[in-house]
PDB file of all heavy atoms in Angstrom:
ATOM      1  N   VAL A   1     -66.182 -85.552   5.207  1.00  0.00           N
ATOM      2  CA  VAL A   1     -65.099 -85.621   6.189  1.00  0.00           C
ATOM      3  C   VAL A   1     -64.247 -86.846   5.917  1.00  0.00           C
ATOM      4  O   VAL A   1     -64.763 -87.917   5.585  1.00  0.00           O
ATOM      5  CB  VAL A   1     -65.639 -85.695   7.642  1.00  0.00           C
ATOM      6  CG1 VAL A   1     -64.531 -86.069   8.628  1.00  0.00           C
ATOM      7  CG2 VAL A   1     -66.259 -84.376   8.068  1.00  0.00           C
ATOM      8  N   HIS A   2     -62.938 -86.675   6.039  1.00  0.00           N
ATOM      9  CA  HIS A   2     -61.987 -87.786   5.951  1.00  0.00           C
ATOM     10  C   HIS A   2     -61.210 -87.821   7.264  1.00  0.00           C
ATOM     11  O   HIS A   2     -60.511 -86.871   7.601  1.00  0.00           O
ATOM     12  CB  HIS A   2     -61.042 -87.581   4.772  1.00  0.00           C
ATOM     13  CG  HIS A   2     -60.036 -88.682   4.602  1.00  0.00           C
ATOM     14  ND1 HIS A   2     -59.317 -88.856   3.451  1.00  0.00           N
ATOM     15  CD2 HIS A   2     -59.618 -89.673   5.429  1.00  0.00           C
ATOM     16  CE1 HIS A   2     -58.509 -89.892   3.570  1.00  0.00           C
ATOM     17  NE2 HIS A   2     -58.665 -90.384   4.777  1.00  0.00           N
ATOM     18  N   PHE A   3     -61.352 -88.931   7.985  1.00  0.00           N
ATOM     19  CA  PHE A   3     -60.764 -89.112   9.321  1.00  0.00           C
ATOM     20  C   PHE A   3     -59.839 -90.315   9.261  1.00  0.00           C
ATOM     21  O   PHE A   3     -60.211 -91.367   8.736  1.00  0.00           O
ATOM     22  CB  PHE A   3     -61.906 -89.348  10.310  1.00  0.00           C
ATOM     23  CG  PHE A   3     -61.517 -89.773  11.701  1.00  0.00           C
ATOM     24  CD1 PHE A   3     -61.604 -88.876  12.757  1.00  0.00           C
ATOM     25  CD2 PHE A   3     -61.125 -91.080  11.978  1.00  0.00           C
ATOM     26  CE1 PHE A   3     -61.287 -89.285  14.056  1.00  0.00           C
ATOM     27  CE2 PHE A   3     -60.807 -91.488  13.262  1.00  0.00           C
ATOM     28  CZ  PHE A   3     -60.886 -90.578  14.301  1.00  0.00           C
ATOM     29  N   GLN A   4     -58.627 -90.188   9.800  1.00  0.00           N
ATOM     30  CA  GLN A   4     -57.697 -91.313   9.765  1.00  0.00           C
ATOM     31  C   GLN A   4     -56.924 -91.405  11.078  1.00  0.00           C
ATOM     32  O   GLN A   4     -56.373 -90.406  11.563  1.00  0.00           O
ATOM     33  CB  GLN A   4     -56.724 -91.178   8.605  1.00  0.00           C
ATOM     34  CG  GLN A   4     -55.906 -92.442   8.332  1.00  0.00           C
ATOM     35  CD  GLN A   4     -55.184 -92.381   7.001  1.00  0.00           C
ATOM     36  OE1 GLN A   4     -54.599 -91.361   6.646  1.00  0.00           O
ATOM     37  NE2 GLN A   4     -55.216 -93.463   6.251  1.00  0.00           N
ATOM     38  N   LEU A   5     -56.895 -92.608  11.625  1.00  0.00           N
ATOM     39  CA  LEU A   5     -56.129 -92.911  12.837  1.00  0.00           C
ATOM     40  C   LEU A   5     -54.932 -93.766  12.459  1.00  0.00           C
ATOM     41  O   LEU A   5     -55.087 -94.889  11.980  1.00  0.00           O
ATOM     42  CB  LEU A   5     -57.001 -93.660  13.855  1.00  0.00           C
ATOM     43  CG  LEU A   5     -56.281 -94.317  15.038  1.00  0.00           C
ATOM     44  CD1 LEU A   5     -55.591 -93.274  15.918  1.00  0.00           C
ATOM     45  CD2 LEU A   5     -57.266 -95.156  15.858  1.00  0.00           C
ATOM     46  N   TYR A   6     -53.734 -93.217  12.645  1.00  0.00           N
ATOM     47  CA  TYR A   6     -52.519 -93.993  12.378  1.00  0.00           C
ATOM     48  C   TYR A   6     -52.389 -95.126  13.397  1.00  0.00           C
ATOM     49  O   TYR A   6     -52.560 -94.914  14.600  1.00  0.00           O
ATOM     50  CB  TYR A   6     -51.282 -93.108  12.498  1.00  0.00           C
ATOM     51  CG  TYR A   6     -51.083 -92.080  11.420  1.00  0.00           C
ATOM     52  CD1 TYR A   6     -50.361 -90.922  11.693  1.00  0.00           C
ATOM     53  CD2 TYR A   6     -51.586 -92.249  10.135  1.00  0.00           C
ATOM     54  CE1 TYR A   6     -50.129 -89.958  10.713  1.00  0.00           C
ATOM     55  CE2 TYR A   6     -51.361 -91.298   9.156  1.00  0.00           C
ATOM     56  CZ  TYR A   6     -50.637 -90.153   9.447  1.00  0.00           C
ATOM     57  OH  TYR A   6     -50.410 -89.215   8.471  1.00  0.00           O
ATOM     58  N   CYS A   7     -52.003 -96.320  12.894  1.00  0.00           N
ATOM     59  CA  CYS A   7     -51.886 -97.487  13.776  1.00  0.00           C
ATOM     60  C   CYS A   7     -50.549 -98.212  13.646  1.00  0.00           C
ATOM     61  O   CYS A   7     -50.516 -99.456  13.573  1.00  0.00           O
ATOM     62  CB  CYS A   7     -53.017 -98.470  13.495  1.00  0.00           C
ATOM     63  SG  CYS A   7     -54.673 -97.808  13.740  1.00  0.00           S
ATOM     64  N   PRO A   8     -49.421 -97.499  13.644  1.00  0.00           N
ATOM     65  CA  PRO A   8     -48.140 -98.211  13.612  1.00  0.00           C
ATOM     66  C   PRO A   8     -47.817 -98.788  14.986  1.00  0.00           C
ATOM     67  O   PRO A   8     -48.306 -98.306  16.017  1.00  0.00           O
ATOM     68  CB  PRO A   8     -47.138 -97.129  13.232  1.00  0.00           C
ATOM     69  CG  PRO A   8     -47.726 -95.887  13.813  1.00  0.00           C
ATOM     70  CD  PRO A   8     -49.226 -96.040  13.649  1.00  0.00           C
ATOM     71  N   ILE A   9     -46.952 -99.791  14.999  1.00  0.00           N
ATOM     72  CA  ILE A   9     -46.542-100.387  16.266  1.00  0.00           C
ATOM     73  C   ILE A   9     -45.471 -99.550  16.948  1.00  0.00           C
ATOM     74  O   ILE A   9     -45.276 -99.631  18.154  1.00  0.00           O
ATOM     75  CB  ILE A   9     -46.065-101.841  16.045  1.00  0.00           C
ATOM     76  CG1 ILE A   9     -46.108-102.617  17.366  1.00  0.00           C
ATOM     77  CG2 ILE A   9     -44.700-101.880  15.375  1.00  0.00           C
ATOM     78  CD1 ILE A   9     -46.019-104.127  17.193  1.00  0.00           C
ATOM     79  N   ASP A  10     -44.762 -98.717  16.152  1.00  0.00           N
ATOM     80  CA  ASP A  10     -43.756 -97.813  16.703  1.00  0.00           C
ATOM     81  C   ASP A  10     -43.587 -96.624  15.758  1.00  0.00           C
ATOM     82  O   ASP A  10     -44.315 -96.498  14.777  1.00  0.00           O
ATOM     83  CB  ASP A  10     -42.417 -98.542  16.932  1.00  0.00           C
ATOM     84  CG  ASP A  10     -41.857 -99.183  15.667  1.00  0.00           C
ATOM     85  OD1 ASP A  10     -41.956 -98.558  14.581  1.00  0.00           O
ATOM     86  OD2 ASP A  10     -41.313-100.303  15.737  1.00  0.00           O
ATOM     87  N   ASP A  11     -42.624 -95.755  16.061  1.00  0.00           N
ATOM     88  CA  ASP A  11     -42.454 -94.540  15.258  1.00  0.00           C
ATOM     89  C   ASP A  11     -41.291 -94.635  14.273  1.00  0.00           C
ATOM     90  O   ASP A  11     -40.764 -93.617  13.828  1.00  0.00           O
ATOM     91  CB  ASP A  11     -42.267 -93.324  16.164  1.00  0.00           C
ATOM     92  CG  ASP A  11     -41.037 -93.434  17.063  1.00  0.00           C
ATOM     93  OD1 ASP A  11     -40.298 -94.441  16.945  1.00  0.00           O
ATOM     94  OD2 ASP A  11     -40.825 -92.515  17.885  1.00  0.00           O
ATOM     95  N   SER A  12     -40.901 -95.869  13.915  1.00  0.00           N
ATOM     96  CA  SER A  12     -39.726 -96.065  13.056  1.00  0.00           C
ATOM     97  C   SER A  12     -39.948 -95.639  11.604  1.00  0.00           C
ATOM     98  O   SER A  12     -38.992 -95.515  10.843  1.00  0.00           O
ATOM     99  CB  SER A  12     -39.288 -97.535  13.087  1.00  0.00           C
ATOM    100  OG  SER A  12     -40.311 -98.386  12.599  1.00  0.00           O
ATOM    101  N   HIS A  13     -41.215 -95.439  11.208  1.00  0.00           N
ATOM    102  CA  HIS A  13     -41.517 -95.034   9.828  1.00  0.00           C
ATOM    103  C   HIS A  13     -42.308 -93.730   9.822  1.00  0.00           C
ATOM    104  O   HIS A  13     -43.269 -93.573   9.063  1.00  0.00           O
ATOM    105  CB  HIS A  13     -42.288 -96.134   9.106  1.00  0.00           C
ATOM    106  CG  HIS A  13     -41.480 -97.354   8.811  1.00  0.00           C
ATOM    107  ND1 HIS A  13     -41.021 -98.200   9.801  1.00  0.00           N
ATOM    108  CD2 HIS A  13     -41.028 -97.874   7.640  1.00  0.00           C
ATOM    109  CE1 HIS A  13     -40.336 -99.189   9.243  1.00  0.00           C
ATOM    110  NE2 HIS A  13     -40.326 -99.006   7.942  1.00  0.00           N
ATOM    111  N   SER A  14     -41.887 -92.794  10.637  1.00  0.00           N
ATOM    112  CA  SER A  14     -42.627 -91.533  10.778  1.00  0.00           C
ATOM    113  C   SER A  14     -42.709 -90.756   9.472  1.00  0.00           C
ATOM    114  O   SER A  14     -43.612 -89.934   9.284  1.00  0.00           O
ATOM    115  CB  SER A  14     -41.978 -90.669  11.861  1.00  0.00           C
ATOM    116  OG  SER A  14     -40.648 -90.339  11.519  1.00  0.00           O
ATOM    117  N   ASN A  15     -41.774 -91.003   8.550  1.00  0.00           N
ATOM    118  CA  ASN A  15     -41.761 -90.282   7.271  1.00  0.00           C
ATOM    119  C   ASN A  15     -42.909 -90.670   6.351  1.00  0.00           C
ATOM    120  O   ASN A  15     -43.116 -90.042   5.308  1.00  0.00           O
ATOM    121  CB  ASN A  15     -40.435 -90.553   6.540  1.00  0.00           C
ATOM    122  CG  ASN A  15     -40.248 -92.024   6.203  1.00  0.00           C
ATOM    123  OD1 ASN A  15     -40.310 -92.878   7.096  1.00  0.00           O
ATOM    124  ND2 ASN A  15     -40.002 -92.336   4.951  1.00  0.00           N
ATOM    125  N   LEU A  16     -43.672 -91.684   6.715  1.00  0.00           N
ATOM    126  CA  LEU A  16     -44.769 -92.138   5.864  1.00  0.00           C
ATOM    127  C   LEU A  16     -46.078 -91.406   6.140  1.00  0.00           C
ATOM    128  O   LEU A  16     -47.134 -91.798   5.632  1.00  0.00           O
ATOM    129  CB  LEU A  16     -44.986 -93.647   6.050  1.00  0.00           C
ATOM    130  CG  LEU A  16     -43.817 -94.558   5.669  1.00  0.00           C
ATOM    131  CD1 LEU A  16     -44.187 -96.022   5.872  1.00  0.00           C
ATOM    132  CD2 LEU A  16     -43.374 -94.312   4.229  1.00  0.00           C
ATOM    133  N   GLY A  17     -46.014 -90.343   6.926  1.00  0.00           N
ATOM    134  CA  GLY A  17     -47.226 -89.598   7.236  1.00  0.00           C
ATOM    135  C   GLY A  17     -47.671 -88.697   6.098  1.00  0.00           C
ATOM    136  O   GLY A  17     -46.904 -88.367   5.184  1.00  0.00           O
ATOM    137  N   VAL A  18     -48.922 -88.280   6.174  1.00  0.00           N
ATOM    138  CA  VAL A  18     -49.501 -87.422   5.135  1.00  0.00           C
ATOM    139  C   VAL A  18     -48.849 -86.036   5.171  1.00  0.00           C
ATOM    140  O   VAL A  18     -48.459 -85.539   6.241  1.00  0.00           O
ATOM    141  CB  VAL A  18     -51.029 -87.315   5.312  1.00  0.00           C
ATOM    142  CG1 VAL A  18     -51.399 -86.544   6.572  1.00  0.00           C
ATOM    143  CG2 VAL A  18     -51.681 -86.675   4.095  1.00  0.00           C
ATOM    144  N   LYS A  19     -48.737 -85.421   4.001  1.00  0.00           N
ATOM    145  CA  LYS A  19     -48.222 -84.070   3.883  1.00  0.00           C
ATOM    146  C   LYS A  19     -49.353 -83.140   3.473  1.00  0.00           C
ATOM    147  O   LYS A  19     -50.040 -83.392   2.478  1.00  0.00           O
ATOM    148  CB  LYS A  19     -47.075 -84.004   2.869  1.00  0.00           C
ATOM    149  CG  LYS A  19     -45.837 -84.777   3.313  1.00  0.00           C
ATOM    150  CD  LYS A  19     -44.693 -84.638   2.308  1.00  0.00           C
ATOM    151  CE  LYS A  19     -43.441 -85.348   2.814  1.00  0.00           C
ATOM    152  NZ  LYS A  19     -42.294 -85.198   1.869  1.00  0.00           N
ATOM    153  N   ILE A  20     -49.546 -82.081   4.252  1.00  0.00           N
ATOM    154  CA  ILE A  20     -50.551 -81.066   3.962  1.00  0.00           C
ATOM    155  C   ILE A  20     -49.916 -80.031   3.031  1.00  0.00           C
ATOM    156  O   ILE A  20     -48.843 -79.492   3.322  1.00  0.00           O
ATOM    157  CB  ILE A  20     -51.041 -80.389   5.249  1.00  0.00           C
ATOM    158  CG1 ILE A  20     -51.626 -81.425   6.221  1.00  0.00           C
ATOM    159  CG2 ILE A  20     -52.049 -79.299   4.939  1.00  0.00           C
ATOM    160  CD1 ILE A  20     -52.851 -82.131   5.715  1.00  0.00           C
ATOM    161  N   LEU A  21     -50.595 -79.763   1.921  1.00  0.00           N
ATOM    162  CA  LEU A  21     -50.011 -78.925   0.873  1.00  0.00           C
ATOM    163  C   LEU A  21     -50.841 -77.671   0.609  1.00  0.00           C
ATOM    164  O   LEU A  21     -52.057 -77.654   0.825  1.00  0.00           O
ATOM    165  CB  LEU A  21     -49.897 -79.717  -0.436  1.00  0.00           C
ATOM    166  CG  LEU A  21     -49.196 -81.073  -0.379  1.00  0.00           C
ATOM    167  CD1 LEU A  21     -49.340 -81.781  -1.720  1.00  0.00           C
ATOM    168  CD2 LEU A  21     -47.726 -80.912   0.001  1.00  0.00           C
ATOM    169  N   GLU A  22     -50.152 -76.659   0.113  1.00  0.00           N
ATOM    170  CA  GLU A  22     -50.819 -75.464  -0.379  1.00  0.00           C
ATOM    171  C   GLU A  22     -50.456 -75.295  -1.851  1.00  0.00           C
ATOM    172  O   GLU A  22     -49.274 -75.331  -2.206  1.00  0.00           O
ATOM    173  CB  GLU A  22     -50.373 -74.233   0.410  1.00  0.00           C
ATOM    174  CG  GLU A  22     -51.124 -72.962   0.018  1.00  0.00           C
ATOM    175  CD  GLU A  22     -50.794 -71.803   0.939  1.00  0.00           C
ATOM    176  OE1 GLU A  22     -49.687 -71.797   1.537  1.00  0.00           O
ATOM    177  OE2 GLU A  22     -51.645 -70.904   1.064  1.00  0.00           O
ATOM    178  N   LYS A  23     -51.468 -75.126  -2.691  1.00  0.00           N
ATOM    179  CA  LYS A  23     -51.210 -75.023  -4.127  1.00  0.00           C
ATOM    180  C   LYS A  23     -50.923 -73.585  -4.514  1.00  0.00           C
ATOM    181  O   LYS A  23     -51.638 -72.662  -4.122  1.00  0.00           O
ATOM    182  CB  LYS A  23     -52.401 -75.554  -4.923  1.00  0.00           C
ATOM    183  CG  LYS A  23     -52.113 -75.671  -6.415  1.00  0.00           C
ATOM    184  CD  LYS A  23     -53.242 -76.375  -7.159  1.00  0.00           C
ATOM    185  CE  LYS A  23     -52.881 -76.558  -8.629  1.00  0.00           C
ATOM    186  NZ  LYS A  23     -53.954 -77.228  -9.389  1.00  0.00           N
ATOM    187  N   ASN A  24     -49.843 -73.423  -5.309  1.00  0.00           N
ATOM    188  CA  ASN A  24     -49.468 -72.120  -5.831  1.00  0.00           C
ATOM    189  C   ASN A  24     -49.369 -72.226  -7.348  1.00  0.00           C
ATOM    190  O   ASN A  24     -48.346 -72.665  -7.867  1.00  0.00           O
ATOM    191  CB  ASN A  24     -48.114 -71.674  -5.259  1.00  0.00           C
ATOM    192  CG  ASN A  24     -48.101 -71.722  -3.745  1.00  0.00           C
ATOM    193  OD1 ASN A  24     -48.857 -71.016  -3.107  1.00  0.00           O
ATOM    194  ND2 ASN A  24     -47.257 -72.572  -3.167  1.00  0.00           N
ATOM    195  N   GLU A  25     -50.458 -71.876  -8.008  1.00  0.00           N
ATOM    196  CA  GLU A  25     -50.546 -72.012  -9.459  1.00  0.00           C
ATOM    197  C   GLU A  25     -50.243 -73.466  -9.854  1.00  0.00           C
ATOM    198  O   GLU A  25     -51.042 -74.343  -9.612  1.00  0.00           O
ATOM    199  CB  GLU A  25     -49.610 -71.019 -10.152  1.00  0.00           C
ATOM    200  CG  GLU A  25     -50.023 -69.568  -9.912  1.00  0.00           C
ATOM    201  CD  GLU A  25     -49.168 -68.577 -10.665  1.00  0.00           C
ATOM    202  OE1 GLU A  25     -48.179 -68.989 -11.313  1.00  0.00           O
ATOM    203  OE2 GLU A  25     -49.489 -67.374 -10.606  1.00  0.00           O
ATOM    204  N   ASP A  26     -49.062 -73.745 -10.424  1.00  0.00           N
ATOM    205  CA  ASP A  26     -48.768 -75.103 -10.891  1.00  0.00           C
ATOM    206  C   ASP A  26     -47.812 -75.870  -9.975  1.00  0.00           C
ATOM    207  O   ASP A  26     -47.279 -76.913 -10.360  1.00  0.00           O
ATOM    208  CB  ASP A  26     -48.167 -75.052 -12.303  1.00  0.00           C
ATOM    209  CG  ASP A  26     -49.138 -74.494 -13.319  1.00  0.00           C
ATOM    210  OD1 ASP A  26     -50.356 -74.731 -13.154  1.00  0.00           O
ATOM    211  OD2 ASP A  26     -48.697 -73.819 -14.265  1.00  0.00           O
ATOM    212  N   SER A  27     -47.587 -75.384  -8.767  1.00  0.00           N
ATOM    213  CA  SER A  27     -46.682 -76.057  -7.837  1.00  0.00           C
ATOM    214  C   SER A  27     -47.318 -76.145  -6.459  1.00  0.00           C
ATOM    215  O   SER A  27     -48.373 -75.554  -6.202  1.00  0.00           O
ATOM    216  CB  SER A  27     -45.338 -75.323  -7.766  1.00  0.00           C
ATOM    217  OG  SER A  27     -45.528 -74.019  -7.244  1.00  0.00           O
ATOM    218  N   PHE A  28     -46.672 -76.887  -5.566  1.00  0.00           N
ATOM    219  CA  PHE A  28     -47.187 -77.074  -4.222  1.00  0.00           C
ATOM    220  C   PHE A  28     -46.127 -76.723  -3.189  1.00  0.00           C
ATOM    221  O   PHE A  28     -44.935 -76.991  -3.385  1.00  0.00           O
ATOM    222  CB  PHE A  28     -47.621 -78.530  -4.004  1.00  0.00           C
ATOM    223  CG  PHE A  28     -48.799 -78.946  -4.852  1.00  0.00           C
ATOM    224  CD1 PHE A  28     -48.593 -79.569  -6.073  1.00  0.00           C
ATOM    225  CD2 PHE A  28     -50.099 -78.709  -4.434  1.00  0.00           C
ATOM    226  CE1 PHE A  28     -49.664 -79.962  -6.865  1.00  0.00           C
ATOM    227  CE2 PHE A  28     -51.179 -79.085  -5.219  1.00  0.00           C
ATOM    228  CZ  PHE A  28     -50.963 -79.715  -6.435  1.00  0.00           C
ATOM    229  N   THR A  29     -46.581 -76.160  -2.084  1.00  0.00           N
ATOM    230  CA  THR A  29     -45.723 -75.902  -0.932  1.00  0.00           C
ATOM    231  C   THR A  29     -46.174 -76.797   0.208  1.00  0.00           C
ATOM    232  O   THR A  29     -47.378 -76.870   0.509  1.00  0.00           O
ATOM    233  CB  THR A  29     -45.820 -74.429  -0.485  1.00  0.00           C
ATOM    234  OG1 THR A  29     -45.418 -73.580  -1.556  1.00  0.00           O
ATOM    235  CG2 THR A  29     -44.946 -74.184   0.736  1.00  0.00           C
ATOM    236  N   GLU A  30     -45.226 -77.495   0.834  1.00  0.00           N
ATOM    237  CA  GLU A  30     -45.567 -78.340   1.971  1.00  0.00           C
ATOM    238  C   GLU A  30     -45.749 -77.461   3.205  1.00  0.00           C
ATOM    239  O   GLU A  30     -44.828 -76.789   3.647  1.00  0.00           O
ATOM    240  CB  GLU A  30     -44.478 -79.375   2.217  1.00  0.00           C
ATOM    241  CG  GLU A  30     -44.788 -80.301   3.389  1.00  0.00           C
ATOM    242  CD  GLU A  30     -43.681 -81.306   3.660  1.00  0.00           C
ATOM    243  OE1 GLU A  30     -42.999 -81.725   2.683  1.00  0.00           O
ATOM    244  OE2 GLU A  30     -43.474 -81.665   4.830  1.00  0.00           O
ATOM    245  N   VAL A  31     -46.949 -77.473   3.766  1.00  0.00           N
ATOM    246  CA  VAL A  31     -47.255 -76.680   4.953  1.00  0.00           C
ATOM    247  C   VAL A  31     -46.835 -77.424   6.210  1.00  0.00           C
ATOM    248  O   VAL A  31     -46.252 -76.866   7.132  1.00  0.00           O
ATOM    249  CB  VAL A  31     -48.757 -76.331   5.003  1.00  0.00           C
ATOM    250  CG1 VAL A  31     -49.122 -75.603   6.294  1.00  0.00           C
ATOM    251  CG2 VAL A  31     -49.145 -75.485   3.792  1.00  0.00           C
ATOM    252  N   LYS A  32     -47.129 -78.706   6.254  1.00  0.00           N
ATOM    253  CA  LYS A  32     -46.736 -79.533   7.400  1.00  0.00           C
ATOM    254  C   LYS A  32     -46.841 -80.996   7.017  1.00  0.00           C
ATOM    255  O   LYS A  32     -47.546 -81.358   6.068  1.00  0.00           O
ATOM    256  CB  LYS A  32     -47.614 -79.253   8.617  1.00  0.00           C
ATOM    257  CG  LYS A  32     -49.059 -79.730   8.471  1.00  0.00           C
ATOM    258  CD  LYS A  32     -49.892 -79.519   9.724  1.00  0.00           C
ATOM    259  CE  LYS A  32     -50.224 -78.074   9.958  1.00  0.00           C
ATOM    260  NZ  LYS A  32     -51.214 -77.877  11.044  1.00  0.00           N
ATOM    261  N   GLN A  33     -46.139 -81.836   7.752  1.00  0.00           N
ATOM    262  CA  GLN A  33     -46.301 -83.276   7.625  1.00  0.00           C
ATOM    263  C   GLN A  33     -46.804 -83.808   8.957  1.00  0.00           C
ATOM    264  O   GLN A  33     -46.283 -83.437  10.018  1.00  0.00           O
ATOM    265  CB  GLN A  33     -44.997 -83.978   7.252  1.00  0.00           C
ATOM    266  CG  GLN A  33     -45.171 -85.496   7.095  1.00  0.00           C
ATOM    267  CD  GLN A  33     -43.941 -86.189   6.549  1.00  0.00           C
ATOM    268  OE1 GLN A  33     -42.825 -85.718   6.704  1.00  0.00           O
ATOM    269  NE2 GLN A  33     -44.143 -87.323   5.901  1.00  0.00           N
TER     270      GLN A  33
END
């Protein structure tokens, strides 16, 4: 299991979150961030 709690002081860098991906042969599709 990998568990992570984000601890920013505000939401000004929301783009730095993890992206969940689905692999399609040799490429990836972003499912959600």
